[in-house]
């Protein structure tokens, strides 16, 4: 959901200090195994096809059965950020991702420290009774790429992504040594099968998204108003795309970007006009405590209400679709011609880029 996070050295240090990382893709070929030797099972965190703007908010596989003493090794698998979080009875609503910034900070909002910083039991040994969190997993510098826990008690242990909520949840089932379980290779194959099942639905989801697109309307002054939908969500599949992705307009026309129902992912509509994108976050220290602030330049609109030109940055700011009514962003095309590129600054690496061709 969020990129360009400058969660720098402090996050890396905290992550490395608290995580037990094991090599990916441990190989055990037995069809069924008893836990005479502890094993490591890989679980992929999310899935992405940035060429098609597709993100799947799931763990692969979402349920894994292991023996006591075995280890689960989660591997970040998309540009979209996630967490692996065992709430241990706590309520998910107590962990909002965005909270008011700490007093005195040069920003109005920040990431919830409980969400984005790692929290892991000593040596990664987990009995299911305490809060455990990977911290913010992502592909940006300083974000966590891997997270491991070794399970020391039998039982069923549910976990969730604090970014995407209950729609992205998983379960670890720890059974006695006398019960047969799948090998790590079989578990990996199960995850790949679940990915394939999700991908088989993508074309239908795109069809549904395109069916929601709004037709342009004629205005009384002879101009046109065009409507662009901001992403689309169906089940665990999120389309990081603009609908339509390409527009042909004229000076004086209006474009309205809007959120479809059931899409809970924030976006921006940003015309950089050759400028560098502002950083999403900055690290802030107060009283020995570190906080990850959300840059005000990223949060708030720029050139709001001004016709689009090729000079300066035009941005909606951070558009959060919840709570309703979802916001819209309206822009009038100025006296320009040619191709203009824009993006969602949160999801451009996931393929959320649009173009406008302005013709006389």
Protein backbone atom coordinates (compact mmCIF):
# COMPACT_ATOMS: atom_id res chain seq x y z
CA UNK A 1 0.00 0.00 0.00
CA UNK A 2 2.83 2.44 0.78
CA UNK A 3 6.27 2.94 -0.72
CA UNK A 4 9.23 5.32 -0.58
CA UNK A 5 9.46 4.70 3.13
CA UNK A 6 12.62 6.24 4.57
CA UNK A 7 12.55 3.91 7.54
CA UNK A 8 16.27 3.98 7.75
CA UNK A 9 19.02 2.59 9.95
CA UNK A 10 16.99 2.41 13.15
CA UNK A 11 14.41 0.09 11.54
CA UNK A 12 17.12 -2.06 10.02
CA UNK A 13 18.88 -2.36 13.38
CA UNK A 14 15.65 -3.19 15.22
CA UNK A 15 14.71 -5.71 12.57
CA UNK A 16 18.04 -7.51 12.60
CA UNK A 17 18.17 -7.51 16.36
CA UNK A 18 14.74 -9.05 16.77
CA UNK A 19 14.38 -11.46 13.88
CA UNK A 20 15.56 -15.01 13.48
CA UNK A 21 16.20 -15.32 9.75
CA UNK A 22 16.66 -18.68 8.08
CA UNK A 23 17.58 -19.41 4.45
CA UNK A 24 14.72 -19.48 1.97
CA UNK A 25 13.44 -22.63 0.32
CA UNK A 26 14.67 -25.28 2.75
CA UNK A 27 14.37 -28.65 1.05
CA UNK A 28 12.73 -31.73 2.56
CA UNK A 29 11.49 -34.26 0.03
CA UNK A 30 9.53 -36.69 2.20
CA UNK A 31 5.82 -36.75 1.36
CA UNK A 32 4.97 -36.94 5.06
CA UNK A 33 7.25 -36.39 7.99
CA UNK A 34 7.40 -36.81 11.73
CA UNK A 35 9.29 -34.20 13.71
CA UNK A 36 12.43 -36.11 14.55
CA UNK A 37 14.26 -33.17 12.93
CA UNK A 38 13.03 -29.59 13.09
CA UNK A 39 12.10 -28.16 9.71
CA UNK A 40 11.67 -24.70 8.20
CA UNK A 41 8.63 -23.85 6.06
CA UNK A 42 8.53 -20.86 3.70
CA UNK A 43 5.44 -18.67 3.39
CA UNK A 44 5.26 -15.92 0.76
CA UNK A 45 3.86 -12.59 1.94
CA UNK A 46 1.64 -11.18 -0.83
CA UNK A 47 1.92 -11.52 -4.58
CA UNK A 48 2.40 -8.91 -7.28
CA UNK A 49 2.48 -8.65 -11.05
CA UNK A 50 3.49 -5.01 -11.53
CA UNK A 51 3.28 -5.33 -15.33
CA UNK A 52 -0.46 -5.82 -14.96
CA UNK A 53 -0.99 -3.75 -11.83
CA UNK A 54 -2.13 -6.79 -9.84
CA UNK A 55 -1.61 -7.25 -6.10
CA UNK A 56 -2.97 -10.19 -4.12
CA UNK A 57 -3.41 -9.59 -0.40
CA UNK A 58 -2.77 -13.07 0.97
CA UNK A 59 -0.16 -15.35 2.49
CA UNK A 60 0.90 -18.30 0.35
CA UNK A 61 -0.06 -20.75 1.66
CA UNK A 62 -2.48 -19.19 4.11
CA UNK A 63 -2.54 -22.23 6.43
CA UNK A 64 0.47 -24.35 7.36
CA UNK A 65 0.57 -27.39 9.65
CA UNK A 66 3.87 -28.03 11.43
CA UNK A 67 5.34 -29.88 14.40
CA UNK A 68 6.42 -28.26 17.64
CA UNK A 69 9.93 -26.92 17.20
CA UNK A 70 9.49 -26.21 13.48
CA UNK A 71 10.04 -22.74 12.04
CA UNK A 72 7.93 -20.61 9.72
CA UNK A 73 9.94 -18.29 7.49
CA UNK A 74 7.91 -15.49 5.88
CA UNK A 75 9.35 -13.87 2.74
CA UNK A 76 8.18 -10.49 1.40
CA UNK A 77 6.89 -11.04 -2.14
CA UNK A 78 5.61 -7.68 -3.45
CA UNK A 79 6.21 -3.93 -3.46
CA UNK A 80 3.00 -3.53 -1.46
CA UNK A 81 3.86 -3.31 2.22
CA UNK A 82 2.58 -5.92 4.69
CA UNK A 83 3.10 -7.21 8.19
CA UNK A 84 3.04 -10.66 9.77
CA UNK A 85 1.38 -10.07 13.13
CA UNK A 86 0.21 -12.43 15.88
CA UNK A 87 -2.19 -10.43 18.01
CA UNK A 88 -2.37 -13.02 20.83
CA UNK A 89 -5.92 -12.02 21.71
CA UNK A 90 -5.58 -8.29 21.12
CA UNK A 91 -8.17 -6.53 18.95
CA UNK A 92 -7.13 -5.53 15.44
CA UNK A 93 -8.88 -2.17 15.81
CA UNK A 94 -6.28 -1.23 18.43
CA UNK A 95 -3.61 -1.11 15.71
CA UNK A 96 -4.52 1.67 13.24
CA UNK A 97 -1.75 2.18 10.71
CA UNK A 98 -1.88 5.99 10.73
CA UNK A 99 -2.08 7.98 13.97
CA UNK A 100 -1.61 11.64 14.96
CA UNK A 101 2.03 12.65 15.12
CA UNK A 102 3.79 12.96 18.47
CA UNK A 103 3.68 16.45 19.98
CA UNK A 104 6.32 18.76 18.60
CA UNK A 105 6.89 16.78 15.41
CA UNK A 106 7.06 18.67 12.07
CA UNK A 107 4.16 16.65 10.65
CA UNK A 108 0.52 16.01 11.46
CA UNK A 109 0.45 12.23 11.00
CA UNK A 110 2.79 9.31 11.56
CA UNK A 111 2.87 5.53 11.29
CA UNK A 112 1.79 3.68 14.42
CA UNK A 113 5.06 2.48 16.04
CA UNK A 114 3.31 -0.72 17.20
CA UNK A 115 2.57 -1.56 13.56
CA UNK A 116 5.78 -0.73 11.75
CA UNK A 117 8.53 -1.69 14.21
CA UNK A 118 9.44 -5.36 14.77
CA UNK A 119 8.46 -7.11 17.98
CA UNK A 120 9.65 -10.66 18.44
CA UNK A 121 10.27 -13.00 21.40
CA UNK A 122 13.83 -13.80 22.34
CA UNK A 123 15.57 -15.99 19.75
CA UNK A 124 12.34 -16.10 17.75
CA UNK A 125 10.88 -18.79 20.02
CA UNK A 126 7.13 -18.31 20.04
CA UNK A 127 4.56 -19.95 22.32
CA UNK A 128 1.52 -18.06 21.03
CA UNK A 129 0.84 -16.08 24.20
CA UNK A 130 2.47 -12.76 23.29
CA UNK A 131 2.20 -10.12 20.58
CA UNK A 132 4.66 -10.78 17.77
CA UNK A 133 5.13 -8.58 14.74
CA UNK A 134 7.47 -8.58 11.74
CA UNK A 135 7.35 -4.82 11.47
CA UNK A 136 6.85 -3.20 8.09
CA UNK A 137 7.72 -5.67 5.34
CA UNK A 138 8.49 -4.20 1.93
CA UNK A 139 11.07 -3.85 -0.82
CA UNK A 140 12.27 -0.36 0.13
CA UNK A 141 15.56 0.21 1.92
CA UNK A 142 15.21 -0.38 5.64
CA UNK A 143 12.02 -2.42 5.38
CA UNK A 144 11.92 -6.01 6.59
CA UNK A 145 12.34 -8.64 3.86
CA UNK A 146 12.11 -11.80 6.00
CA UNK A 147 10.68 -12.82 9.34
CA UNK A 148 10.87 -16.13 11.22
CA UNK A 149 9.29 -17.68 14.30
CA UNK A 150 9.90 -21.09 15.84
CA UNK A 151 6.76 -22.51 17.43
CA UNK A 152 7.24 -24.09 20.85
CA UNK A 153 3.64 -25.10 21.73
CA UNK A 154 0.90 -27.10 20.03
CA UNK A 155 -2.25 -25.26 18.98
CA UNK A 156 -3.69 -23.04 16.27
CA UNK A 157 -2.19 -19.59 15.91
CA UNK A 158 -3.90 -16.97 13.75
CA UNK A 159 -2.05 -14.00 12.31
CA UNK A 160 -2.92 -10.98 10.21
CA UNK A 161 -1.50 -8.14 8.16
CA UNK A 162 -1.93 -4.89 10.09
CA UNK A 163 -1.93 -2.97 6.81
CA UNK A 164 -4.77 -4.85 5.10
CA UNK A 165 -6.70 -6.25 8.04
CA UNK A 166 -8.77 -9.40 8.20
CA UNK A 167 -8.84 -9.83 4.41
CA UNK A 168 -5.17 -10.85 4.68
CA UNK A 169 -4.91 -13.43 7.42
CA UNK A 170 -3.19 -16.75 7.96
CA UNK A 171 -3.00 -19.64 10.38
CA UNK A 172 -0.23 -21.84 11.77
CA UNK A 173 -1.37 -25.21 13.13
CA UNK A 174 1.13 -26.92 15.44
CA UNK A 175 0.44 -30.64 15.99
CA UNK A 176 2.05 -33.47 17.93
CA UNK A 177 5.09 -35.34 16.70
CA UNK A 178 3.00 -38.43 16.01
CA UNK A 179 0.93 -36.68 13.33
CA UNK A 180 2.03 -36.68 9.69
CA UNK A 181 2.46 -33.31 7.99
CA UNK A 182 3.41 -32.05 4.55
CA UNK A 183 7.06 -31.46 3.75
CA UNK A 184 8.37 -27.93 3.20
CA UNK A 185 8.48 -28.59 -0.54
CA UNK A 186 4.85 -29.67 -0.51
CA UNK A 187 3.88 -26.59 1.47
CA UNK A 188 5.68 -24.39 -1.08
CA UNK A 189 3.79 -26.17 -3.87
CA UNK A 190 0.54 -25.56 -2.01
CA UNK A 191 1.36 -21.84 -1.89
CA UNK A 192 2.09 -21.77 -5.62
CA UNK A 193 -1.23 -23.50 -6.29
CA UNK A 194 -3.06 -20.84 -4.28
CA UNK A 195 -1.28 -18.11 -6.26
CA UNK A 196 -2.33 -19.74 -9.53
CA UNK A 197 -5.94 -19.91 -8.31
CA UNK A 198 -5.93 -16.20 -7.56
CA UNK A 199 -4.33 -15.31 -10.89
CA UNK A 200 -6.98 -17.30 -12.74
CA UNK A 201 -9.54 -14.77 -11.47
CA UNK A 202 -7.64 -11.64 -12.54
CA UNK A 203 -9.14 -11.34 -16.03
CA UNK A 204 -12.66 -11.47 -14.57
CA UNK A 205 -11.74 -8.86 -11.95
CA UNK A 206 -10.45 -6.57 -14.69
CA UNK A 207 -13.66 -7.11 -16.62
CA UNK A 208 -15.67 -6.13 -13.54
CA UNK A 209 -13.48 -3.06 -13.02
CA UNK A 210 -13.87 -1.87 -16.60
CA UNK A 211 -17.63 -2.37 -16.34
CA UNK A 212 -17.69 0.20 -13.51
CA UNK A 213 -15.93 2.88 -15.55
CA UNK A 214 -18.03 6.00 -16.14
CA UNK A 215 -18.58 7.47 -19.59
CA UNK A 216 -17.55 11.10 -20.22
CA UNK A 217 -20.27 13.74 -20.30
CA UNK A 218 -20.76 16.85 -22.44
CA UNK A 219 -20.71 20.18 -20.63
CA UNK A 220 -22.81 23.20 -21.53
CA UNK A 221 -19.73 25.18 -22.64
CA UNK A 222 -18.72 22.51 -25.16
CA UNK A 223 -16.02 20.96 -22.98
CA UNK A 224 -16.05 17.42 -21.66
CA UNK A 225 -15.83 15.89 -18.17
CA UNK A 226 -13.99 12.57 -17.94
CA UNK A 227 -14.06 10.14 -15.00
CA UNK A 228 -11.12 7.97 -13.92
CA UNK A 229 -11.59 5.25 -11.32
CA UNK A 230 -8.88 4.91 -8.67
CA UNK A 231 -8.00 1.22 -8.50
CA UNK A 232 -10.38 -1.66 -7.90
CA UNK A 233 -10.68 -4.42 -5.29
CA UNK A 234 -12.47 -7.75 -5.43
CA UNK A 235 -11.86 -10.46 -2.85
CA UNK A 236 -8.14 -10.49 -2.10
CA UNK A 237 -7.23 -9.09 -5.53
CA UNK A 238 -6.42 -5.40 -5.81
CA UNK A 239 -5.88 -3.74 -9.18
CA UNK A 240 -3.36 -0.93 -8.84
CA UNK A 241 -4.46 0.88 -11.96
CA UNK A 242 -6.39 3.83 -13.30
CA UNK A 243 -9.59 3.07 -15.22
CA UNK A 244 -9.16 4.16 -17.98
CA UNK A 245 -5.38 4.22 -17.92
CA UNK A 246 -5.15 6.47 -20.97
CA UNK A 247 -7.26 9.51 -21.89
CA UNK A 248 -7.38 11.84 -24.87
CA UNK A 249 -8.68 15.27 -23.82
CA UNK A 250 -8.58 18.92 -24.89
CA UNK A 251 -7.72 22.15 -23.06
CA UNK A 252 -10.64 23.20 -20.90
CA UNK A 253 -11.83 19.64 -20.28
CA UNK A 254 -12.23 18.35 -16.73
CA UNK A 255 -11.06 15.06 -15.22
CA UNK A 256 -12.54 13.62 -12.02
CA UNK A 257 -10.75 10.79 -10.22
CA UNK A 258 -13.04 8.77 -7.93
CA UNK A 259 -13.02 5.68 -5.70
CA UNK A 260 -15.14 2.60 -6.46
CA UNK A 261 -17.02 0.79 -3.67
CA UNK A 262 -15.12 -1.79 -1.59
CA UNK A 263 -11.75 -0.29 -2.41
CA UNK A 264 -10.07 0.54 0.91
CA UNK A 265 -6.64 1.35 -0.53
CA UNK A 266 -5.48 4.98 -0.43
CA UNK A 267 -3.96 6.54 -3.55
CA UNK A 268 -2.61 9.79 -4.93
CA UNK A 269 -3.08 11.43 -8.32
CA UNK A 270 0.22 13.18 -8.96
CA UNK A 271 1.62 15.04 -11.97
CA UNK A 272 5.30 15.54 -11.17
CA UNK A 273 6.14 17.40 -14.39
CA UNK A 274 9.76 16.24 -14.12
CA UNK A 275 10.16 16.97 -10.41
CA UNK A 276 11.33 14.38 -7.90
CA UNK A 277 8.58 12.73 -5.89
CA UNK A 278 8.56 13.91 -2.27
CA UNK A 279 9.55 11.27 0.27
CA UNK A 280 6.64 9.62 2.01
CA UNK A 281 8.24 9.58 5.44
CA UNK A 282 10.93 11.06 7.61
CA UNK A 283 12.50 9.65 10.75
CA UNK A 284 11.95 11.72 13.88
CA UNK A 285 13.50 11.29 17.31
CA UNK A 286 12.09 12.68 20.52
CA UNK A 287 13.18 11.78 24.02
CA UNK A 288 15.14 8.78 22.80
CA UNK A 289 12.09 7.38 20.95
CA UNK A 290 12.00 7.10 17.17
CA UNK A 291 8.90 7.87 15.12
CA UNK A 292 8.16 7.57 11.40
CA UNK A 293 6.41 10.75 10.31
CA UNK A 294 4.40 11.12 7.12
CA UNK A 295 5.79 14.00 5.10
CA UNK A 296 3.32 16.91 4.95
CA UNK A 297 4.32 17.53 1.31
CA UNK A 298 3.03 14.07 0.51
CA UNK A 299 -0.18 14.40 2.53
CA UNK A 300 -1.61 17.63 1.20
CA UNK A 301 -2.69 18.74 -2.28
CA UNK A 302 -0.53 21.01 -4.40
CA UNK A 303 -1.78 23.50 -7.02
CA UNK A 304 -5.31 22.62 -5.93
CA UNK A 305 -7.90 24.28 -8.15
CA UNK A 306 -5.34 25.45 -10.70
CA UNK A 307 -5.59 24.32 -14.37
CA UNK A 308 -3.01 21.68 -15.29
CA UNK A 309 0.14 23.03 -16.94
CA UNK A 310 3.61 21.60 -17.47
CA UNK A 311 5.08 23.64 -14.63
CA UNK A 312 5.10 22.53 -11.01
CA UNK A 313 3.62 19.56 -9.21
CA UNK A 314 -0.12 18.91 -9.28
CA UNK A 315 -1.19 16.41 -6.66
CA UNK A 316 -4.36 15.29 -4.93
CA UNK A 317 -2.41 14.58 -1.77
CA UNK A 318 -3.12 11.38 0.08
CA UNK A 319 -6.65 10.25 -0.78
CA UNK A 320 -8.07 7.83 1.77
CA UNK A 321 -11.29 6.13 0.61
CA UNK A 322 -12.52 5.54 4.16
CA UNK A 323 -14.71 6.58 5.81
CA UNK A 324 -17.37 7.39 3.23
CA UNK A 325 -18.09 9.48 1.34
CA UNK A 326 -14.89 8.73 -0.55
CA UNK A 327 -13.04 11.82 -1.79
CA UNK A 328 -12.68 12.89 -5.40
CA UNK A 329 -9.96 14.88 -7.15
CA UNK A 330 -10.89 17.26 -9.95
CA UNK A 331 -8.49 18.86 -12.41
CA UNK A 332 -9.13 21.15 -15.38
CA UNK A 333 -6.78 20.83 -18.35
CA UNK A 334 -4.90 24.05 -19.02
CA UNK A 335 -3.56 25.47 -22.28
CA UNK A 336 -1.18 22.63 -23.08
CA UNK A 337 -0.85 19.94 -25.76
CA UNK A 338 0.85 16.56 -25.94
CA UNK A 339 1.40 13.64 -23.58
CA UNK A 340 1.30 14.13 -19.80
CA UNK A 341 2.16 11.35 -17.36
CA UNK A 342 0.82 10.98 -13.85
CA UNK A 343 1.03 8.34 -11.13
CA UNK A 344 -0.05 7.16 -7.74
CA UNK A 345 2.99 7.89 -5.60
CA UNK A 346 2.09 4.98 -3.37
CA UNK A 347 1.80 2.39 -6.12
CA UNK A 348 3.76 3.52 -9.18
CA UNK A 349 6.16 0.59 -8.74
CA UNK A 350 3.11 -1.66 -8.75
CA UNK A 351 2.15 -0.32 -12.16
CA UNK A 352 -0.28 2.47 -11.21
CA UNK A 353 0.67 5.01 -13.87
CA UNK A 354 -1.66 6.88 -16.23
CA UNK A 355 -1.29 9.15 -19.27
CA UNK A 356 -3.29 12.01 -20.70
CA UNK A 357 -2.87 13.10 -24.30
CA UNK A 358 -4.01 16.69 -24.78
CA UNK A 359 -5.06 17.61 -28.32
CA UNK A 360 -6.36 20.97 -29.58
